[in-house]
PDB file of N, CA and C in Angstrom:
ATOM      1  N   UNK A   1      94.168  91.363  77.948  1.00  0.00           N
ATOM      2  CA  UNK A   1      93.032  91.095  78.821  1.00  0.00           C
ATOM      3  C   UNK A   1      93.332  91.657  80.200  1.00  0.00           C
ATOM      4  N   UNK A   2      92.334  92.240  80.785  1.00  0.00           N
ATOM      5  CA  UNK A   2      92.442  92.740  82.156  1.00  0.00           C
ATOM      6  C   UNK A   2      91.823  91.707  83.076  1.00  0.00           C
ATOM      7  N   UNK A   3      92.635  91.137  83.950  1.00  0.00           N
ATOM      8  CA  UNK A   3      92.144  90.207  84.966  1.00  0.00           C
ATOM      9  C   UNK A   3      92.112  90.958  86.285  1.00  0.00           C
ATOM     10  N   UNK A   4      90.954  90.948  86.926  1.00  0.00           N
ATOM     11  CA  UNK A   4      90.787  91.642  88.198  1.00  0.00           C
ATOM     12  C   UNK A   4      90.450  90.612  89.270  1.00  0.00           C
ATOM     13  N   UNK A   5      91.357  90.419  90.201  1.00  0.00           N
ATOM     14  CA  UNK A   5      91.150  89.506  91.318  1.00  0.00           C
ATOM     15  C   UNK A   5      90.369  90.245  92.384  1.00  0.00           C
ATOM     16  N   UNK A   6      89.253  89.650  92.824  1.00  0.00           N
ATOM     17  CA  UNK A   6      88.350  90.333  93.743  1.00  0.00           C
ATOM     18  C   UNK A   6      87.774  89.365  94.774  1.00  0.00           C
ATOM     19  N   UNK A   7      87.264  89.960  95.840  1.00  0.00           N
ATOM     20  CA  UNK A   7      86.423  89.287  96.823  1.00  0.00           C
ATOM     21  C   UNK A   7      85.088  90.013  96.773  1.00  0.00           C
ATOM     22  N   UNK A   8      83.999  89.287  96.671  1.00  0.00           N
ATOM     23  CA  UNK A   8      82.677  89.895  96.520  1.00  0.00           C
ATOM     24  C   UNK A   8      82.361  90.935  97.607  1.00  0.00           C
ATOM     25  N   UNK A   9      82.708  90.660  98.856  1.00  0.00           N
ATOM     26  CA  UNK A   9      82.346  91.525  99.970  1.00  0.00           C
ATOM     27  C   UNK A   9      83.243  92.747 100.094  1.00  0.00           C
ATOM     28  N   UNK A  10      84.288  92.844  99.320  1.00  0.00           N
ATOM     29  CA  UNK A  10      85.289  93.912  99.459  1.00  0.00           C
ATOM     30  C   UNK A  10      84.795  95.220  98.845  1.00  0.00           C
ATOM     31  N   UNK A  11      84.689  96.298  99.657  1.00  0.00           N
ATOM     32  CA  UNK A  11      84.208  97.562  99.115  1.00  0.00           C
ATOM     33  C   UNK A  11      85.179  98.179  98.086  1.00  0.00           C
ATOM     34  N   UNK A  12      86.469  97.933  98.242  1.00  0.00           N
ATOM     35  CA  UNK A  12      87.462  98.457  97.287  1.00  0.00           C
ATOM     36  C   UNK A  12      87.345  97.740  95.950  1.00  0.00           C
ATOM     37  N   UNK A  13      87.060  96.438  96.004  1.00  0.00           N
ATOM     38  CA  UNK A  13      86.835  95.681  94.770  1.00  0.00           C
ATOM     39  C   UNK A  13      85.575  96.168  94.071  1.00  0.00           C
ATOM     40  N   UNK A  14      84.531  96.421  94.845  1.00  0.00           N
ATOM     41  CA  UNK A  14      83.285  96.936  94.275  1.00  0.00           C
ATOM     42  C   UNK A  14      83.505  98.287  93.604  1.00  0.00           C
ATOM     43  N   UNK A  15      84.339  99.117  94.220  1.00  0.00           N
ATOM     44  CA  UNK A  15      84.628 100.430  93.659  1.00  0.00           C
ATOM     45  C   UNK A  15      85.266 100.306  92.273  1.00  0.00           C
ATOM     46  N   UNK A  16      86.221  99.419  92.134  1.00  0.00           N
ATOM     47  CA  UNK A  16      86.886  99.197  90.843  1.00  0.00           C
ATOM     48  C   UNK A  16      85.915  98.592  89.842  1.00  0.00           C
ATOM     49  N   UNK A  17      85.187  97.575  90.265  1.00  0.00           N
ATOM     50  CA  UNK A  17      84.250  96.905  89.344  1.00  0.00           C
ATOM     51  C   UNK A  17      83.172  97.881  88.856  1.00  0.00           C
ATOM     52  N   UNK A  18      82.681  98.732  89.741  1.00  0.00           N
ATOM     53  CA  UNK A  18      81.688  99.721  89.358  1.00  0.00           C
ATOM     54  C   UNK A  18      82.253 100.664  88.312  1.00  0.00           C
ATOM     55  N   UNK A  19      83.478 101.136  88.543  1.00  0.00           N
ATOM     56  CA  UNK A  19      84.125 102.025  87.572  1.00  0.00           C
ATOM     57  C   UNK A  19      84.267 101.334  86.218  1.00  0.00           C
ATOM     58  N   UNK A  20      84.750 100.109  86.218  1.00  0.00           N
ATOM     59  CA  UNK A  20      84.956  99.364  84.969  1.00  0.00           C
ATOM     60  C   UNK A  20      83.619  99.166  84.247  1.00  0.00           C
ATOM     61  N   UNK A  21      82.601  98.780  84.993  1.00  0.00           N
ATOM     62  CA  UNK A  21      81.279  98.538  84.378  1.00  0.00           C
ATOM     63  C   UNK A  21      80.677  99.827  83.824  1.00  0.00           C
ATOM     64  N   UNK A  22      80.767 100.909  84.589  1.00  0.00           N
ATOM     65  CA  UNK A  22      80.194 102.185  84.152  1.00  0.00           C
ATOM     66  C   UNK A  22      80.919 102.751  82.929  1.00  0.00           C
ATOM     67  N   UNK A  23      82.170 102.379  82.743  1.00  0.00           N
ATOM     68  CA  UNK A  23      82.943 102.867  81.614  1.00  0.00           C
ATOM     69  C   UNK A  23      83.103 101.827  80.501  1.00  0.00           C
ATOM     70  N   UNK A  24      82.326 100.776  80.594  1.00  0.00           N
ATOM     71  CA  UNK A  24      82.304  99.708  79.574  1.00  0.00           C
ATOM     72  C   UNK A  24      83.682  99.157  79.252  1.00  0.00           C
ATOM     73  N   UNK A  25      84.480  98.952  80.282  1.00  0.00           N
ATOM     74  CA  UNK A  25      85.802  98.361  80.122  1.00  0.00           C
ATOM     75  C   UNK A  25      85.679  96.853  80.279  1.00  0.00           C
ATOM     76  N   UNK A  26      86.132  96.129  79.267  1.00  0.00           N
ATOM     77  CA  UNK A  26      86.081  94.673  79.337  1.00  0.00           C
ATOM     78  C   UNK A  26      87.155  94.163  80.282  1.00  0.00           C
ATOM     79  N   UNK A  27      86.751  93.283  81.178  1.00  0.00           N
ATOM     80  CA  UNK A  27      87.676  92.700  82.125  1.00  0.00           C
ATOM     81  C   UNK A  27      87.173  91.341  82.549  1.00  0.00           C
ATOM     82  N   UNK A  28      88.059  90.570  83.118  1.00  0.00           N
ATOM     83  CA  UNK A  28      87.728  89.238  83.590  1.00  0.00           C
ATOM     84  C   UNK A  28      87.790  89.247  85.114  1.00  0.00           C
ATOM     85  N   UNK A  29      86.638  89.224  85.799  1.00  0.00           N
ATOM     86  CA  UNK A  29      86.674  89.165  87.252  1.00  0.00           C
ATOM     87  C   UNK A  29      87.064  87.762  87.717  1.00  0.00           C
ATOM     88  N   UNK A  30      88.066  87.690  88.573  1.00  0.00           N
ATOM     89  CA  UNK A  30      88.502  86.403  89.106  1.00  0.00           C
ATOM     90  C   UNK A  30      88.225  86.414  90.597  1.00  0.00           C
ATOM     91  N   UNK A  31      87.283  85.578  90.999  1.00  0.00           N
ATOM     92  CA  UNK A  31      86.843  85.559  92.387  1.00  0.00           C
ATOM     93  C   UNK A  31      87.814  84.800  93.264  1.00  0.00           C
ATOM     94  N   UNK A  32      88.130  85.421  94.380  1.00  0.00           N
ATOM     95  CA  UNK A  32      88.979  84.819  95.419  1.00  0.00           C
ATOM     96  C   UNK A  32      88.138  84.785  96.683  1.00  0.00           C
ATOM     97  N   UNK A  33      87.216  83.849  96.778  1.00  0.00           N
ATOM     98  CA  UNK A  33      86.272  83.848  97.894  1.00  0.00           C
ATOM     99  C   UNK A  33      86.954  83.776  99.248  1.00  0.00           C
ATOM    100  N   UNK A  34      86.289  84.390 100.224  1.00  0.00           N
ATOM    101  CA  UNK A  34      86.784  84.345 101.585  1.00  0.00           C
ATOM    102  C   UNK A  34      85.630  83.961 102.495  1.00  0.00           C
ATOM    103  N   UNK A  35      85.746  82.926 103.275  1.00  0.00           N
ATOM    104  CA  UNK A  35      86.903  82.043 103.353  1.00  0.00           C
ATOM    105  C   UNK A  35      87.034  81.230 102.067  1.00  0.00           C
ATOM    106  N   UNK A  36      88.263  80.900 101.726  1.00  0.00           N
ATOM    107  CA  UNK A  36      88.487  80.231 100.438  1.00  0.00           C
ATOM    108  C   UNK A  36      87.933  78.822 100.381  1.00  0.00           C
ATOM    109  N   UNK A  37      87.103  78.586  99.388  1.00  0.00           N
ATOM    110  CA  UNK A  37      86.579  77.249  99.133  1.00  0.00           C
ATOM    111  C   UNK A  37      87.551  76.486  98.247  1.00  0.00           C
ATOM    112  N   UNK A  38      88.145  77.227  97.322  1.00  0.00           N
ATOM    113  CA  UNK A  38      89.104  76.681  96.368  1.00  0.00           C
ATOM    114  C   UNK A  38      90.297  77.619  96.348  1.00  0.00           C
ATOM    115  N   UNK A  39      91.467  77.101  96.550  1.00  0.00           N
ATOM    116  CA  UNK A  39      92.672  77.918  96.650  1.00  0.00           C
ATOM    117  C   UNK A  39      93.269  78.332  95.304  1.00  0.00           C
ATOM    118  N   UNK A  40      92.759  77.826  94.194  1.00  0.00           N
ATOM    119  CA  UNK A  40      93.392  78.026  92.873  1.00  0.00           C
ATOM    120  C   UNK A  40      93.593  79.502  92.538  1.00  0.00           C
ATOM    121  N   UNK A  41      92.533  80.304  92.623  1.00  0.00           N
ATOM    122  CA  UNK A  41      92.637  81.727  92.271  1.00  0.00           C
ATOM    123  C   UNK A  41      93.533  82.476  93.242  1.00  0.00           C
ATOM    124  N   UNK A  42      93.422  82.151  94.506  1.00  0.00           N
ATOM    125  CA  UNK A  42      94.248  82.807  95.521  1.00  0.00           C
ATOM    126  C   UNK A  42      95.733  82.468  95.309  1.00  0.00           C
ATOM    127  N   UNK A  43      96.014  81.239  94.929  1.00  0.00           N
ATOM    128  CA  UNK A  43      97.400  80.832  94.641  1.00  0.00           C
ATOM    129  C   UNK A  43      97.957  81.581  93.456  1.00  0.00           C
ATOM    130  N   UNK A  44      97.148  81.769  92.420  1.00  0.00           N
ATOM    131  CA  UNK A  44      97.571  82.526  91.242  1.00  0.00           C
ATOM    132  C   UNK A  44      97.819  83.990  91.610  1.00  0.00           C
ATOM    133  N   UNK A  45      96.959  84.540  92.445  1.00  0.00           N
ATOM    134  CA  UNK A  45      97.125  85.897  92.939  1.00  0.00           C
ATOM    135  C   UNK A  45      98.452  86.046  93.663  1.00  0.00           C
ATOM    136  N   UNK A  46      98.772  85.116  94.533  1.00  0.00           N
ATOM    137  CA  UNK A  46     100.016  85.133  95.281  1.00  0.00           C
ATOM    138  C   UNK A  46     101.225  84.994  94.342  1.00  0.00           C
ATOM    139  N   UNK A  47     101.077  84.167  93.336  1.00  0.00           N
ATOM    140  CA  UNK A  47     102.148  83.949  92.367  1.00  0.00           C
ATOM    141  C   UNK A  47     102.442  85.235  91.575  1.00  0.00           C
ATOM    142  N   UNK A  48     101.390  85.933  91.186  1.00  0.00           N
ATOM    143  CA  UNK A  48     101.544  87.144  90.379  1.00  0.00           C
ATOM    144  C   UNK A  48     101.983  88.344  91.188  1.00  0.00           C
ATOM    145  N   UNK A  49     101.382  88.520  92.375  1.00  0.00           N
ATOM    146  CA  UNK A  49     101.622  89.742  93.128  1.00  0.00           C
ATOM    147  C   UNK A  49     102.412  89.592  94.404  1.00  0.00           C
ATOM    148  N   UNK A  50     102.479  88.386  94.936  1.00  0.00           N
ATOM    149  CA  UNK A  50     103.257  88.171  96.137  1.00  0.00           C
ATOM    150  C   UNK A  50     102.491  88.317  97.432  1.00  0.00           C
ATOM    151  N   UNK A  51     101.240  88.750  97.363  1.00  0.00           N
ATOM    152  CA  UNK A  51     100.425  88.834  98.565  1.00  0.00           C
ATOM    153  C   UNK A  51      98.962  88.614  98.208  1.00  0.00           C
ATOM    154  N   UNK A  52      98.152  88.359  99.214  1.00  0.00           N
ATOM    155  CA  UNK A  52      96.751  88.009  98.981  1.00  0.00           C
ATOM    156  C   UNK A  52      95.813  89.178  98.960  1.00  0.00           C
ATOM    157  N   UNK A  53      96.305  90.381  98.781  1.00  0.00           N
ATOM    158  CA  UNK A  53      95.487  91.591  98.813  1.00  0.00           C
ATOM    159  C   UNK A  53      94.659  91.725  97.547  1.00  0.00           C
ATOM    160  N   UNK A  54      93.428  92.197  97.704  1.00  0.00           N
ATOM    161  CA  UNK A  54      92.560  92.521  96.570  1.00  0.00           C
ATOM    162  C   UNK A  54      92.021  93.913  96.783  1.00  0.00           C
ATOM    163  N   UNK A  55      91.614  94.622  95.737  1.00  0.00           N
ATOM    164  CA  UNK A  55      91.652  94.214  94.349  1.00  0.00           C
ATOM    165  C   UNK A  55      93.087  94.153  93.817  1.00  0.00           C
ATOM    166  N   UNK A  56      93.263  93.300  92.833  1.00  0.00           N
ATOM    167  CA  UNK A  56      94.555  93.119  92.179  1.00  0.00           C
ATOM    168  C   UNK A  56      94.313  93.037  90.692  1.00  0.00           C
ATOM    169  N   UNK A  57      94.970  93.888  89.934  1.00  0.00           N
ATOM    170  CA  UNK A  57      94.810  93.926  88.486  1.00  0.00           C
ATOM    171  C   UNK A  57      96.030  93.331  87.813  1.00  0.00           C
ATOM    172  N   UNK A  58      95.771  92.485  86.824  1.00  0.00           N
ATOM    173  CA  UNK A  58      96.836  91.964  85.969  1.00  0.00           C
ATOM    174  C   UNK A  58      96.438  92.272  84.533  1.00  0.00           C
ATOM    175  N   UNK A  59      97.168  93.182  83.912  1.00  0.00           N
ATOM    176  CA  UNK A  59      96.974  93.510  82.498  1.00  0.00           C
ATOM    177  C   UNK A  59      97.885  92.570  81.733  1.00  0.00           C
ATOM    178  N   UNK A  60      97.318  91.532  81.157  1.00  0.00           N
ATOM    179  CA  UNK A  60      98.124  90.489  80.523  1.00  0.00           C
ATOM    180  C   UNK A  60      98.793  90.969  79.241  1.00  0.00           C
ATOM    181  N   UNK A  61      98.200  91.953  78.573  1.00  0.00           N
ATOM    182  CA  UNK A  61      98.775  92.459  77.325  1.00  0.00           C
ATOM    183  C   UNK A  61     100.046  93.276  77.569  1.00  0.00           C
ATOM    184  N   UNK A  62     100.096  93.983  78.684  1.00  0.00           N
ATOM    185  CA  UNK A  62     101.248  94.831  79.005  1.00  0.00           C
ATOM    186  C   UNK A  62     102.079  94.249  80.143  1.00  0.00           C
ATOM    187  N   UNK A  63     101.643  93.129  80.677  1.00  0.00           N
ATOM    188  CA  UNK A  63     102.281  92.464  81.807  1.00  0.00           C
ATOM    189  C   UNK A  63     102.496  93.422  82.984  1.00  0.00           C
ATOM    190  N   UNK A  64     101.439  94.159  83.301  1.00  0.00           N
ATOM    191  CA  UNK A  64     101.418  95.095  84.413  1.00  0.00           C
ATOM    192  C   UNK A  64     100.549  94.503  85.512  1.00  0.00           C
ATOM    193  N   UNK A  65     101.025  94.609  86.755  1.00  0.00           N
ATOM    194  CA  UNK A  65     100.241  94.171  87.896  1.00  0.00           C
ATOM    195  C   UNK A  65     100.195  95.293  88.915  1.00  0.00           C
ATOM    196  N   UNK A  66      99.077  95.375  89.644  1.00  0.00           N
ATOM    197  CA  UNK A  66      98.983  96.411  90.679  1.00  0.00           C
ATOM    198  C   UNK A  66      97.852  96.123  91.658  1.00  0.00           C
ATOM    199  N   UNK A  67      98.053  96.638  92.854  1.00  0.00           N
ATOM    200  CA  UNK A  67      97.056  96.628  93.911  1.00  0.00           C
ATOM    201  C   UNK A  67      96.512  98.050  94.050  1.00  0.00           C
ATOM    202  N   UNK A  68      95.603  98.221  94.959  1.00  0.00           N
ATOM    203  CA  UNK A  68      95.017  99.524  95.341  1.00  0.00           C
ATOM    204  C   UNK A  68      93.991 100.020  94.325  1.00  0.00           C
ATOM    205  N   UNK A  69      92.789 100.203  94.804  1.00  0.00           N
ATOM    206  CA  UNK A  69      91.667 100.563  93.924  1.00  0.00           C
ATOM    207  C   UNK A  69      91.905 101.859  93.165  1.00  0.00           C
ATOM    208  N   UNK A  70      92.390 102.898  93.827  1.00  0.00           N
ATOM    209  CA  UNK A  70      92.605 104.171  93.131  1.00  0.00           C
ATOM    210  C   UNK A  70      93.692 104.070  92.072  1.00  0.00           C
ATOM    211  N   UNK A  71      94.750 103.323  92.356  1.00  0.00           N
ATOM    212  CA  UNK A  71      95.813 103.137  91.371  1.00  0.00           C
ATOM    213  C   UNK A  71      95.281 102.388  90.158  1.00  0.00           C
ATOM    214  N   UNK A  72      94.454 101.389  90.397  1.00  0.00           N
ATOM    215  CA  UNK A  72      93.872 100.608  89.290  1.00  0.00           C
ATOM    216  C   UNK A  72      92.981 101.494  88.427  1.00  0.00           C
ATOM    217  N   UNK A  73      92.128 102.281  89.064  1.00  0.00           N
ATOM    218  CA  UNK A  73      91.227 103.176  88.334  1.00  0.00           C
ATOM    219  C   UNK A  73      92.034 104.191  87.512  1.00  0.00           C
ATOM    220  N   UNK A  74      93.055 104.779  88.109  1.00  0.00           N
ATOM    221  CA  UNK A  74      93.882 105.741  87.375  1.00  0.00           C
ATOM    222  C   UNK A  74      94.599 105.079  86.207  1.00  0.00           C
ATOM    223  N   UNK A  75      95.082 103.867  86.384  1.00  0.00           N
ATOM    224  CA  UNK A  75      95.747 103.138  85.311  1.00  0.00           C
ATOM    225  C   UNK A  75      94.770 102.890  84.151  1.00  0.00           C
ATOM    226  N   UNK A  76      93.552 102.508  84.458  1.00  0.00           N
ATOM    227  CA  UNK A  76      92.545 102.267  83.423  1.00  0.00           C
ATOM    228  C   UNK A  76      92.217 103.570  82.699  1.00  0.00           C
ATOM    229  N   UNK A  77      92.065 104.643  83.431  1.00  0.00           N
ATOM    230  CA  UNK A  77      91.763 105.944  82.821  1.00  0.00           C
ATOM    231  C   UNK A  77      92.851 106.339  81.830  1.00  0.00           C
ATOM    232  N   UNK A  78      94.113 106.087  82.203  1.00  0.00           N
ATOM    233  CA  UNK A  78      95.232 106.502  81.356  1.00  0.00           C
ATOM    234  C   UNK A  78      95.465 105.553  80.167  1.00  0.00           C
ATOM    235  N   UNK A  79      95.173 104.270  80.343  1.00  0.00           N
ATOM    236  CA  UNK A  79      95.527 103.287  79.336  1.00  0.00           C
ATOM    237  C   UNK A  79      94.359 102.706  78.557  1.00  0.00           C
ATOM    238  N   UNK A  80      93.165 102.852  79.061  1.00  0.00           N
ATOM    239  CA  UNK A  80      91.975 102.308  78.389  1.00  0.00           C
ATOM    240  C   UNK A  80      90.839 103.327  78.430  1.00  0.00           C
ATOM    241  N   UNK A  81      91.060 104.499  77.838  1.00  0.00           N
ATOM    242  CA  UNK A  81      90.011 105.529  77.880  1.00  0.00           C
ATOM    243  C   UNK A  81      88.767 105.055  77.133  1.00  0.00           C
ATOM    244  N   UNK A  82      87.628 105.430  77.653  1.00  0.00           N
ATOM    245  CA  UNK A  82      86.372 104.989  77.010  1.00  0.00           C
ATOM    246  C   UNK A  82      85.974 105.912  75.888  1.00  0.00           C
TER     247      UNK A  82
END
């Protein structure tokens, strides 16, 4: 499963989500609202990646984590071709 930690207002998150949607890639968007109403998702993000930056991808099947929209898109292109 691809878990994508995002903030709705983030243009880099939107870039990744648009790519995933346009290429019919199944993923689980995990909202990390700002300002945070609930710290649960943000705490998990910090636990997995060590910082609160989004977008953040966690590929649970391969146990791969990464930040940066372009890196995420390139990873999807290479590992989950449509």
